[in-house]
Amino acid sequence: MFHTEVYIQRAVSDLRAAIGRYSAVTDAMQTARLDELKPALDPISQAARHVLAPAYTQTISAYNMALEIQYMERALNANLSQMLRHSLRLVRACVSGLCETMTECIL
């Protein structure tokens, strides 16, 4: 669940609790008005869940893909020869800008 959805669900829950506490100490007319507010809270809660569910699914999908790529990279690196692994490390250092010149990369 996203933090946004948790925030909305807690706000709705807190509002329901506040209505319940306030209804206990008010007169019948105010209690009736407060009871009219309660049905409006359910659509808010459901809308938050409905709108944020696809975003959550997409985020989980991207996260799982990143995990799979990391797993494949580790498996590939584990099966490379030592010389090829060092060459790959050299290329990564040069590409990432750790070395200013190719001579620095080689040394």
N, C-alpha and C. Protein backbone atom coordinates (compact mmCIF):
# COMPACT_ATOMS: atom_id res chain seq x y z
N MET A 1 0.85 -1.18 0.00
CA MET A 1 0.00 0.00 0.00
C MET A 1 0.89 1.24 0.00
N PHE A 2 0.52 2.24 -0.78
CA PHE A 2 1.27 3.47 -0.85
C PHE A 2 1.04 4.31 0.40
N HIS A 3 1.99 5.18 0.68
CA HIS A 3 1.85 6.08 1.82
C HIS A 3 0.63 6.98 1.64
N THR A 4 0.35 7.36 0.41
CA THR A 4 -0.80 8.21 0.13
C THR A 4 -2.09 7.52 0.53
N GLU A 5 -2.21 6.26 0.15
CA GLU A 5 -3.43 5.53 0.49
C GLU A 5 -3.54 5.34 2.00
N VAL A 6 -2.44 5.04 2.65
CA VAL A 6 -2.45 4.88 4.11
C VAL A 6 -2.89 6.18 4.76
N TYR A 7 -2.36 7.29 4.27
CA TYR A 7 -2.72 8.61 4.81
C TYR A 7 -4.22 8.86 4.66
N ILE A 8 -4.76 8.59 3.48
CA ILE A 8 -6.19 8.80 3.23
C ILE A 8 -7.03 7.88 4.10
N GLN A 9 -6.63 6.60 4.19
CA GLN A 9 -7.40 5.65 4.99
C GLN A 9 -7.39 6.05 6.47
N ARG A 10 -6.24 6.51 6.96
CA ARG A 10 -6.16 6.96 8.36
C ARG A 10 -6.99 8.20 8.59
N ALA A 11 -6.97 9.13 7.64
CA ALA A 11 -7.77 10.34 7.77
C ALA A 11 -9.25 10.00 7.83
N VAL A 12 -9.69 9.08 6.98
CA VAL A 12 -11.10 8.66 6.99
C VAL A 12 -11.42 7.97 8.31
N SER A 13 -10.52 7.12 8.77
CA SER A 13 -10.73 6.42 10.04
C SER A 13 -10.79 7.41 11.21
N ASP A 14 -9.89 8.36 11.23
CA ASP A 14 -9.89 9.38 12.29
C ASP A 14 -11.16 10.21 12.25
N LEU A 15 -11.63 10.53 11.05
CA LEU A 15 -12.86 11.29 10.90
C LEU A 15 -14.06 10.50 11.41
N ARG A 16 -14.09 9.20 11.09
CA ARG A 16 -15.18 8.36 11.61
C ARG A 16 -15.15 8.33 13.14
N ALA A 17 -13.97 8.18 13.71
CA ALA A 17 -13.85 8.14 15.17
C ALA A 17 -14.27 9.46 15.78
N ALA A 18 -13.87 10.57 15.17
CA ALA A 18 -14.25 11.89 15.69
C ALA A 18 -15.76 12.09 15.61
N ILE A 19 -16.37 11.65 14.52
CA ILE A 19 -17.83 11.75 14.39
C ILE A 19 -18.50 10.93 15.48
N GLY A 20 -17.99 9.73 15.72
CA GLY A 20 -18.55 8.88 16.76
C GLY A 20 -18.44 9.50 18.14
N ARG A 21 -17.28 10.07 18.46
CA ARG A 21 -17.10 10.70 19.77
C ARG A 21 -17.97 11.95 19.91
N TYR A 22 -18.03 12.75 18.85
CA TYR A 22 -18.81 13.97 18.91
C TYR A 22 -20.30 13.65 18.97
N SER A 23 -20.73 12.59 18.29
CA SER A 23 -22.15 12.20 18.31
C SER A 23 -22.60 11.81 19.72
N ALA A 24 -21.68 11.28 20.50
CA ALA A 24 -22.02 10.83 21.85
C ALA A 24 -22.34 11.99 22.78
N VAL A 25 -21.85 13.19 22.48
CA VAL A 25 -22.05 14.31 23.40
C VAL A 25 -22.94 15.41 22.82
N THR A 26 -23.51 15.21 21.65
CA THR A 26 -24.35 16.25 21.03
C THR A 26 -25.82 15.87 21.12
N ASP A 27 -26.64 16.81 20.73
CA ASP A 27 -28.09 16.55 20.73
C ASP A 27 -28.49 15.75 19.48
N ALA A 28 -29.74 15.38 19.41
CA ALA A 28 -30.23 14.50 18.35
C ALA A 28 -30.11 15.14 16.96
N MET A 29 -30.33 16.46 16.88
CA MET A 29 -30.29 17.12 15.58
C MET A 29 -28.85 17.11 15.02
N GLN A 30 -27.89 17.42 15.87
CA GLN A 30 -26.50 17.41 15.40
C GLN A 30 -26.02 15.99 15.10
N THR A 31 -26.49 15.03 15.89
CA THR A 31 -26.13 13.63 15.64
C THR A 31 -26.66 13.19 14.29
N ALA A 32 -27.88 13.62 13.94
CA ALA A 32 -28.46 13.27 12.64
C ALA A 32 -27.63 13.86 11.51
N ARG A 33 -27.18 15.11 11.68
CA ARG A 33 -26.34 15.75 10.66
C ARG A 33 -24.99 15.03 10.52
N LEU A 34 -24.44 14.61 11.64
CA LEU A 34 -23.17 13.88 11.60
C LEU A 34 -23.34 12.52 10.92
N ASP A 35 -24.48 11.88 11.19
CA ASP A 35 -24.75 10.59 10.56
C ASP A 35 -24.88 10.72 9.03
N GLU A 36 -25.28 11.90 8.57
CA GLU A 36 -25.37 12.13 7.13
C GLU A 36 -23.98 12.16 6.49
N LEU A 37 -22.97 12.51 7.26
CA LEU A 37 -21.60 12.57 6.73
C LEU A 37 -20.98 11.19 6.55
N LYS A 38 -21.38 10.25 7.37
CA LYS A 38 -20.75 8.93 7.37
C LYS A 38 -20.78 8.23 6.00
N PRO A 39 -21.90 8.22 5.29
CA PRO A 39 -21.90 7.54 3.98
C PRO A 39 -20.96 8.18 2.96
N ALA A 40 -20.64 9.45 3.12
CA ALA A 40 -19.74 10.12 2.18
C ALA A 40 -18.29 9.67 2.37
N LEU A 41 -17.97 9.06 3.51
CA LEU A 41 -16.59 8.64 3.77
C LEU A 41 -16.22 7.37 3.01
N ASP A 42 -17.17 6.48 2.82
CA ASP A 42 -16.88 5.23 2.12
C ASP A 42 -16.39 5.44 0.68
N PRO A 43 -17.05 6.30 -0.10
CA PRO A 43 -16.55 6.52 -1.47
C PRO A 43 -15.14 7.11 -1.51
N ILE A 44 -14.81 7.94 -0.52
CA ILE A 44 -13.46 8.51 -0.48
C ILE A 44 -12.44 7.40 -0.28
N SER A 45 -12.72 6.53 0.65
CA SER A 45 -11.83 5.42 0.95
C SER A 45 -11.70 4.48 -0.26
N GLN A 46 -12.82 4.16 -0.88
CA GLN A 46 -12.81 3.27 -2.04
C GLN A 46 -12.12 3.91 -3.24
N ALA A 47 -12.33 5.22 -3.43
CA ALA A 47 -11.70 5.92 -4.55
C ALA A 47 -10.18 5.92 -4.40
N ALA A 48 -9.71 6.14 -3.19
CA ALA A 48 -8.26 6.11 -2.95
C ALA A 48 -7.70 4.73 -3.29
N ARG A 49 -8.38 3.71 -2.85
CA ARG A 49 -7.92 2.34 -3.12
C ARG A 49 -7.96 2.05 -4.62
N HIS A 50 -9.04 2.48 -5.28
CA HIS A 50 -9.23 2.20 -6.70
C HIS A 50 -8.21 2.95 -7.56
N VAL A 51 -7.95 4.20 -7.25
CA VAL A 51 -7.04 5.03 -8.05
C VAL A 51 -5.59 4.62 -7.84
N LEU A 52 -5.23 4.27 -6.61
CA LEU A 52 -3.84 3.98 -6.31
C LEU A 52 -3.45 2.52 -6.58
N ALA A 53 -4.40 1.63 -6.72
CA ALA A 53 -4.08 0.22 -6.97
C ALA A 53 -3.29 0.01 -8.27
N PRO A 54 -3.67 0.62 -9.40
CA PRO A 54 -2.87 0.43 -10.62
C PRO A 54 -1.45 0.97 -10.47
N ALA A 55 -1.29 2.09 -9.81
CA ALA A 55 0.05 2.65 -9.61
C ALA A 55 0.89 1.71 -8.76
N TYR A 56 0.28 1.14 -7.74
CA TYR A 56 0.98 0.18 -6.87
C TYR A 56 1.41 -1.04 -7.68
N THR A 57 0.52 -1.54 -8.53
CA THR A 57 0.82 -2.71 -9.36
C THR A 57 1.97 -2.41 -10.31
N GLN A 58 1.97 -1.24 -10.93
CA GLN A 58 3.04 -0.87 -11.85
C GLN A 58 4.37 -0.72 -11.12
N THR A 59 4.32 -0.17 -9.92
CA THR A 59 5.55 0.00 -9.14
C THR A 59 6.13 -1.36 -8.77
N ILE A 60 5.28 -2.27 -8.33
CA ILE A 60 5.74 -3.60 -7.96
C ILE A 60 6.31 -4.31 -9.18
N SER A 61 5.67 -4.14 -10.33
CA SER A 61 6.14 -4.77 -11.56
C SER A 61 7.54 -4.26 -11.93
N ALA A 62 7.74 -2.95 -11.86
CA ALA A 62 9.06 -2.38 -12.17
C ALA A 62 10.10 -2.84 -11.16
N TYR A 63 9.73 -2.91 -9.90
CA TYR A 63 10.65 -3.36 -8.86
C TYR A 63 11.04 -4.82 -9.10
N ASN A 64 10.08 -5.66 -9.42
CA ASN A 64 10.39 -7.07 -9.69
C ASN A 64 11.29 -7.22 -10.91
N MET A 65 11.09 -6.38 -11.92
CA MET A 65 11.94 -6.43 -13.11
C MET A 65 13.37 -6.03 -12.74
N ALA A 66 13.53 -5.01 -11.90
CA ALA A 66 14.86 -4.59 -11.47
C ALA A 66 15.54 -5.70 -10.68
N LEU A 67 14.80 -6.39 -9.83
CA LEU A 67 15.36 -7.51 -9.08
C LEU A 67 15.81 -8.63 -10.00
N GLU A 68 15.01 -8.90 -11.01
CA GLU A 68 15.36 -9.96 -11.97
C GLU A 68 16.62 -9.60 -12.75
N ILE A 69 16.75 -8.34 -13.14
CA ILE A 69 17.94 -7.89 -13.86
C ILE A 69 19.17 -8.00 -12.96
N GLN A 70 19.04 -7.63 -11.69
CA GLN A 70 20.16 -7.76 -10.76
C GLN A 70 20.55 -9.23 -10.60
N TYR A 71 19.58 -10.10 -10.51
CA TYR A 71 19.86 -11.52 -10.38
C TYR A 71 20.61 -12.04 -11.60
N MET A 72 20.15 -11.65 -12.79
CA MET A 72 20.80 -12.09 -14.02
C MET A 72 22.22 -11.53 -14.11
N GLU A 73 22.41 -10.29 -13.70
CA GLU A 73 23.74 -9.70 -13.73
C GLU A 73 24.69 -10.44 -12.79
N ARG A 74 24.20 -10.76 -11.58
CA ARG A 74 25.03 -11.53 -10.65
C ARG A 74 25.38 -12.90 -11.19
N ALA A 75 24.40 -13.55 -11.79
CA ALA A 75 24.64 -14.88 -12.35
C ALA A 75 25.65 -14.80 -13.50
N LEU A 76 25.52 -13.78 -14.33
CA LEU A 76 26.45 -13.60 -15.44
C LEU A 76 27.86 -13.34 -14.92
N ASN A 77 27.97 -12.43 -13.95
CA ASN A 77 29.29 -12.12 -13.39
C ASN A 77 29.92 -13.32 -12.71
N ALA A 78 29.12 -14.13 -12.06
CA ALA A 78 29.65 -15.30 -11.37
C ALA A 78 30.21 -16.34 -12.35
N ASN A 79 29.67 -16.37 -13.55
CA ASN A 79 30.09 -17.37 -14.53
C ASN A 79 31.16 -16.86 -15.51
N LEU A 80 31.57 -15.61 -15.37
CA LEU A 80 32.60 -15.06 -16.25
C LEU A 80 33.99 -15.49 -15.77
N SER A 81 34.89 -15.54 -16.69
CA SER A 81 36.28 -15.82 -16.30
C SER A 81 36.82 -14.60 -15.56
N GLN A 82 37.89 -14.82 -14.80
CA GLN A 82 38.45 -13.73 -14.01
C GLN A 82 38.94 -12.59 -14.91
N MET A 83 39.55 -12.91 -16.02
CA MET A 83 40.07 -11.90 -16.93
C MET A 83 38.92 -11.07 -17.52
N LEU A 84 37.86 -11.74 -17.92
CA LEU A 84 36.71 -11.04 -18.48
C LEU A 84 36.04 -10.17 -17.42
N ARG A 85 35.98 -10.65 -16.18
CA ARG A 85 35.39 -9.89 -15.08
C ARG A 85 36.19 -8.61 -14.84
N HIS A 86 37.54 -8.70 -14.85
CA HIS A 86 38.38 -7.52 -14.68
C HIS A 86 38.21 -6.54 -15.84
N SER A 87 38.08 -7.06 -17.05
CA SER A 87 37.85 -6.19 -18.21
C SER A 87 36.53 -5.45 -18.09
N LEU A 88 35.52 -6.15 -17.64
CA LEU A 88 34.21 -5.54 -17.46
C LEU A 88 34.26 -4.46 -16.39
N ARG A 89 34.98 -4.72 -15.31
CA ARG A 89 35.14 -3.74 -14.23
C ARG A 89 35.86 -2.49 -14.76
N LEU A 90 36.86 -2.69 -15.61
CA LEU A 90 37.61 -1.60 -16.22
C LEU A 90 36.70 -0.74 -17.09
N VAL A 91 35.91 -1.39 -17.91
CA VAL A 91 34.99 -0.66 -18.80
C VAL A 91 33.98 0.13 -17.97
N ARG A 92 33.45 -0.48 -16.92
CA ARG A 92 32.49 0.24 -16.06
C ARG A 92 33.12 1.46 -15.44
N ALA A 93 34.37 1.34 -14.97
CA ALA A 93 35.06 2.48 -14.36
C ALA A 93 35.26 3.60 -15.37
N CYS A 94 35.65 3.24 -16.58
CA CYS A 94 35.88 4.25 -17.62
C CYS A 94 34.58 4.91 -18.05
N VAL A 95 33.55 4.13 -18.22
CA VAL A 95 32.25 4.65 -18.67
C VAL A 95 31.61 5.53 -17.60
N SER A 96 31.78 5.15 -16.34
CA SER A 96 31.13 5.92 -15.27
C SER A 96 31.87 7.21 -14.95
N GLY A 97 33.04 7.42 -15.57
CA GLY A 97 33.76 8.67 -15.37
C GLY A 97 34.72 8.64 -14.19
N LEU A 98 35.00 7.47 -13.67
CA LEU A 98 35.94 7.38 -12.57
C LEU A 98 37.36 7.69 -13.03
N CYS A 99 37.62 7.45 -14.29
CA CYS A 99 38.95 7.70 -14.85
C CYS A 99 38.83 8.85 -15.84
N GLU A 100 39.81 9.78 -15.78
CA GLU A 100 39.78 10.89 -16.72
C GLU A 100 40.37 10.51 -18.08
N THR A 101 41.33 9.62 -18.07
CA THR A 101 41.92 9.18 -19.33
C THR A 101 41.95 7.66 -19.38
N MET A 102 42.14 7.13 -20.55
CA MET A 102 42.20 5.68 -20.71
C MET A 102 43.43 5.11 -19.98
N THR A 103 44.51 5.89 -19.92
CA THR A 103 45.72 5.43 -19.22
C THR A 103 45.42 5.21 -17.75
N GLU A 104 44.64 6.09 -17.14
CA GLU A 104 44.27 5.93 -15.74
C GLU A 104 43.44 4.66 -15.55
N CYS A 105 42.58 4.38 -16.50
CA CYS A 105 41.76 3.18 -16.41
C CYS A 105 42.61 1.92 -16.45
N ILE A 106 43.62 1.92 -17.30
CA ILE A 106 44.45 0.74 -17.46
C ILE A 106 45.32 0.52 -16.23
N LEU A 107 45.81 1.62 -15.65
CA LEU A 107 46.68 1.50 -14.48
C LEU A 107 45.79 1.23 -13.29
